[in-house]
Amino acid sequence: MLLERFEHIETFFPPCHPGEAEWIAARARLAEDISPVFPYLNTRMKGAVLDKNHNTLNFKFGGRGVTLHPRLMVVTRLHDRREAIKVLGELKNLINQTYEQRDRIQPSERSRRTLTVLEVYKMLPRKNCGECGEPACMGFAAKLLEESQKIESCRPLFLDEYAASRKKLLQLLDEAGYLVPEN
């Protein structure tokens, strides 16, 4: 077992999203260094971003953002402390299971890049039609990356005339670990 216990768990309102009081984040200090599992989780977790310079691994876990440091775990988009404890326990299990199965997992030190709002916006129809519920496509792109919107909400994107853009965007979203519809 790589990770046996958390030394300290705290929940807090992330400073980078003022006004989003419905979400909290959790920070857990770890008793052990979990960095040996990073290359295996990087393989296992779709869309994971390994940053070798800072020795961190970022990925999505059940719609939440996770950042792992050697002795620190940060999870975003939580409702309350109870959910934080539950998700941290699930992550602990994931880390330990992955580490125990490392002889069957090809480790990867590949570093993927994250998508930007502008990259997504450029692949949308850019009609500002509002069919998705957002007043403009730029806002939709931002909400899509925050995972508070689904790509299927952009109905014009699924018209034949946008097939090439749609295919490219769905591929990029899939590679970055976002949920995409199966075509």
Protein backbone atom coordinates (compact mmCIF):
# COMPACT_ATOMS: atom_id res chain seq x y z
CA MET A 1 0.00 0.00 0.00
CA LEU A 2 1.49 3.29 -1.09
CA LEU A 3 -0.87 5.70 0.67
CA GLU A 4 -1.90 4.65 4.16
CA ARG A 5 -3.37 7.81 5.63
CA PHE A 6 -4.05 11.51 5.37
CA GLU A 7 -2.24 13.71 7.88
CA HIS A 8 -4.68 16.62 7.66
CA ILE A 9 -7.80 17.41 5.60
CA GLU A 10 -9.21 20.90 5.15
CA THR A 11 -12.02 22.26 3.02
CA PHE A 12 -12.11 25.79 1.68
CA PHE A 13 -13.70 28.08 -0.88
CA PRO A 14 -11.31 28.37 -3.83
CA PRO A 15 -10.09 31.97 -4.18
CA CYS A 16 -10.02 31.85 -7.98
CA HIS A 17 -13.82 31.50 -8.32
CA PRO A 18 -15.44 34.14 -6.10
CA GLY A 19 -19.20 34.01 -6.08
CA GLU A 20 -19.36 30.25 -6.69
CA ALA A 21 -20.38 29.48 -3.13
CA GLU A 22 -21.99 26.17 -4.13
CA TRP A 23 -18.56 24.56 -4.65
CA ILE A 24 -15.77 23.98 -2.20
CA ALA A 25 -12.36 22.38 -2.54
CA ALA A 26 -10.46 20.02 -0.27
CA ARG A 27 -6.77 19.83 0.47
CA ALA A 28 -5.30 16.71 2.10
CA ARG A 29 -1.74 16.48 3.34
CA LEU A 30 -0.42 12.98 2.84
CA ALA A 31 1.66 10.89 5.22
CA GLU A 32 3.53 9.27 2.31
CA ASP A 33 5.13 10.42 -0.95
CA ILE A 34 2.80 9.22 -3.73
CA SER A 35 4.84 10.49 -6.68
CA PRO A 36 5.97 6.96 -7.67
CA VAL A 37 2.38 6.27 -8.83
CA PHE A 38 2.15 9.36 -11.08
CA PRO A 39 3.36 7.67 -14.32
CA TYR A 40 0.90 4.79 -13.79
CA LEU A 41 -2.03 7.09 -13.05
CA ASN A 42 -0.99 9.17 -16.06
CA THR A 43 -1.57 6.07 -18.18
CA ARG A 44 -4.74 5.06 -16.43
CA MET A 45 -6.56 8.37 -16.11
CA LYS A 46 -7.87 9.69 -19.40
CA GLY A 47 -6.83 13.28 -19.99
CA ALA A 48 -4.31 13.36 -17.14
CA VAL A 49 -1.69 16.11 -17.33
CA LEU A 50 1.69 15.17 -15.87
CA ASP A 51 3.90 18.15 -15.11
CA LYS A 52 7.39 16.78 -14.55
CA ASN A 53 8.81 20.24 -13.80
CA HIS A 54 6.50 20.73 -10.82
CA ASN A 55 6.06 17.03 -10.03
CA THR A 56 2.26 17.18 -10.22
CA LEU A 57 -0.48 15.18 -11.89
CA ASN A 58 -3.85 16.75 -12.81
CA PHE A 59 -6.91 14.85 -13.96
CA LYS A 60 -10.69 14.76 -13.80
CA PHE A 61 -12.34 12.36 -11.37
CA GLY A 62 -16.12 12.14 -11.42
CA GLY A 63 -16.42 15.69 -12.79
CA ARG A 64 -14.02 17.05 -10.18
CA GLY A 65 -10.59 18.49 -10.73
CA VAL A 66 -7.78 16.65 -8.95
CA THR A 67 -4.19 17.80 -8.49
CA LEU A 68 -1.74 15.41 -6.92
CA HIS A 69 1.57 16.54 -5.47
CA PRO A 70 4.04 14.14 -3.81
CA ARG A 71 2.54 14.79 -0.34
CA LEU A 72 -0.59 16.79 -1.13
CA MET A 73 -3.92 16.12 -2.83
CA VAL A 74 -6.32 18.90 -3.92
CA VAL A 75 -9.86 18.20 -5.15
CA THR A 76 -12.28 20.82 -6.52
CA ARG A 77 -16.03 20.98 -7.21
CA LEU A 78 -17.21 19.43 -3.96
CA HIS A 79 -20.49 20.21 -2.19
CA ASP A 80 -19.45 19.76 1.44
CA ARG A 81 -16.91 18.21 3.80
CA ARG A 82 -18.71 14.86 3.85
CA GLU A 83 -18.41 14.57 0.07
CA ALA A 84 -14.75 15.65 0.34
CA ILE A 85 -13.98 12.82 2.76
CA LYS A 86 -15.76 10.32 0.49
CA VAL A 87 -13.95 11.46 -2.68
CA LEU A 88 -10.57 11.58 -0.95
CA GLY A 89 -11.15 7.98 0.18
CA GLU A 90 -12.00 6.97 -3.38
CA LEU A 91 -8.84 8.65 -4.63
CA LYS A 92 -6.80 6.89 -1.95
CA ASN A 93 -8.21 3.57 -3.18
CA LEU A 94 -7.47 4.50 -6.80
CA ILE A 95 -3.88 5.40 -5.93
CA ASN A 96 -3.32 2.19 -3.97
CA GLN A 97 -4.99 -0.06 -6.57
CA THR A 98 -2.98 1.56 -9.36
CA TYR A 99 0.25 1.18 -7.41
CA GLU A 100 -0.51 -2.48 -6.63
CA GLN A 101 -1.19 -3.14 -10.34
CA ARG A 102 1.84 -1.21 -11.62
CA ASP A 103 3.49 -4.36 -12.99
CA ARG A 104 0.54 -4.66 -15.41
CA ILE A 105 0.41 -0.96 -16.40
CA GLN A 106 2.74 0.64 -18.93
CA PRO A 107 3.89 3.83 -17.19
CA SER A 108 3.71 7.05 -19.16
CA GLU A 109 5.55 10.29 -18.63
CA ARG A 110 3.75 11.87 -21.56
CA SER A 111 2.56 15.35 -20.73
CA ARG A 112 -0.74 16.35 -22.31
CA ARG A 113 -1.76 19.94 -22.70
CA THR A 114 -4.93 21.49 -21.41
CA LEU A 115 -7.54 23.06 -23.66
CA THR A 116 -8.22 26.78 -23.63
CA VAL A 117 -11.56 28.53 -24.02
CA LEU A 118 -10.34 30.15 -27.23
CA GLU A 119 -9.36 26.79 -28.77
CA VAL A 120 -12.83 25.41 -28.09
CA TYR A 121 -14.55 28.60 -29.24
CA LYS A 122 -12.76 28.48 -32.61
CA MET A 123 -14.23 25.02 -33.30
CA LEU A 124 -17.80 26.01 -32.45
CA PRO A 125 -20.24 27.37 -35.08
CA ARG A 126 -19.88 30.84 -33.48
CA LYS A 127 -23.48 31.79 -34.25
CA ASN A 128 -24.28 33.16 -30.76
CA CYS A 129 -27.72 31.63 -31.29
CA GLY A 130 -28.39 30.95 -27.62
CA GLU A 131 -29.81 27.46 -28.25
CA CYS A 132 -27.44 26.09 -25.60
CA GLY A 133 -28.78 28.50 -23.01
CA GLU A 134 -25.73 30.76 -23.09
CA PRO A 135 -25.92 34.22 -24.70
CA ALA A 136 -22.70 33.71 -26.69
CA CYS A 137 -20.48 30.91 -27.94
CA MET A 138 -17.50 32.18 -25.94
CA GLY A 139 -19.48 31.74 -22.74
CA PHE A 140 -20.55 28.28 -23.88
CA ALA A 141 -16.90 27.33 -24.50
CA ALA A 142 -15.97 28.47 -20.98
CA LYS A 143 -18.88 26.57 -19.41
CA LEU A 144 -17.97 23.49 -21.44
CA LEU A 145 -14.45 23.46 -20.01
CA GLU A 146 -15.86 24.06 -16.51
CA GLU A 147 -18.12 21.06 -17.19
CA SER A 148 -21.27 23.00 -16.37
CA GLN A 149 -22.41 22.59 -20.01
CA LYS A 150 -22.43 19.52 -22.26
CA ILE A 151 -21.25 19.60 -25.88
CA GLU A 152 -24.64 18.22 -27.00
CA SER A 153 -26.24 21.51 -25.93
CA CYS A 154 -24.69 23.18 -28.98
CA ARG A 155 -27.23 21.87 -31.48
CA PRO A 156 -25.78 23.71 -34.51
CA LEU A 157 -22.45 21.91 -33.99
CA PHE A 158 -24.22 18.64 -34.75
CA LEU A 159 -25.42 19.79 -38.18
CA ASP A 160 -23.71 18.24 -41.20
CA GLU A 161 -22.03 21.50 -42.20
CA TYR A 162 -19.96 21.44 -38.97
CA ALA A 163 -19.01 17.75 -39.13
CA ALA A 164 -15.26 18.39 -39.51
CA SER A 165 -15.12 20.90 -36.64
CA ARG A 166 -17.31 18.66 -34.49
CA LYS A 167 -15.07 15.65 -35.08
CA LYS A 168 -11.93 17.60 -34.21
CA LEU A 169 -13.49 19.20 -31.12
CA LEU A 170 -14.87 15.90 -29.82
CA GLN A 171 -11.46 14.28 -30.29
CA LEU A 172 -9.70 17.10 -28.40
CA LEU A 173 -12.25 17.00 -25.58
CA ASP A 174 -11.97 13.22 -25.35
CA GLU A 175 -8.16 13.32 -25.23
CA ALA A 176 -8.33 15.97 -22.51
CA GLY A 177 -10.56 13.73 -20.38
CA TYR A 178 -13.95 15.39 -20.90
CA LEU A 179 -17.08 13.31 -21.37
CA VAL A 180 -18.15 13.30 -25.01
CA PRO A 181 -21.07 11.58 -26.73
CA GLU A 182 -20.36 8.40 -28.63
CA ASN A 183 -20.83 8.78 -32.38
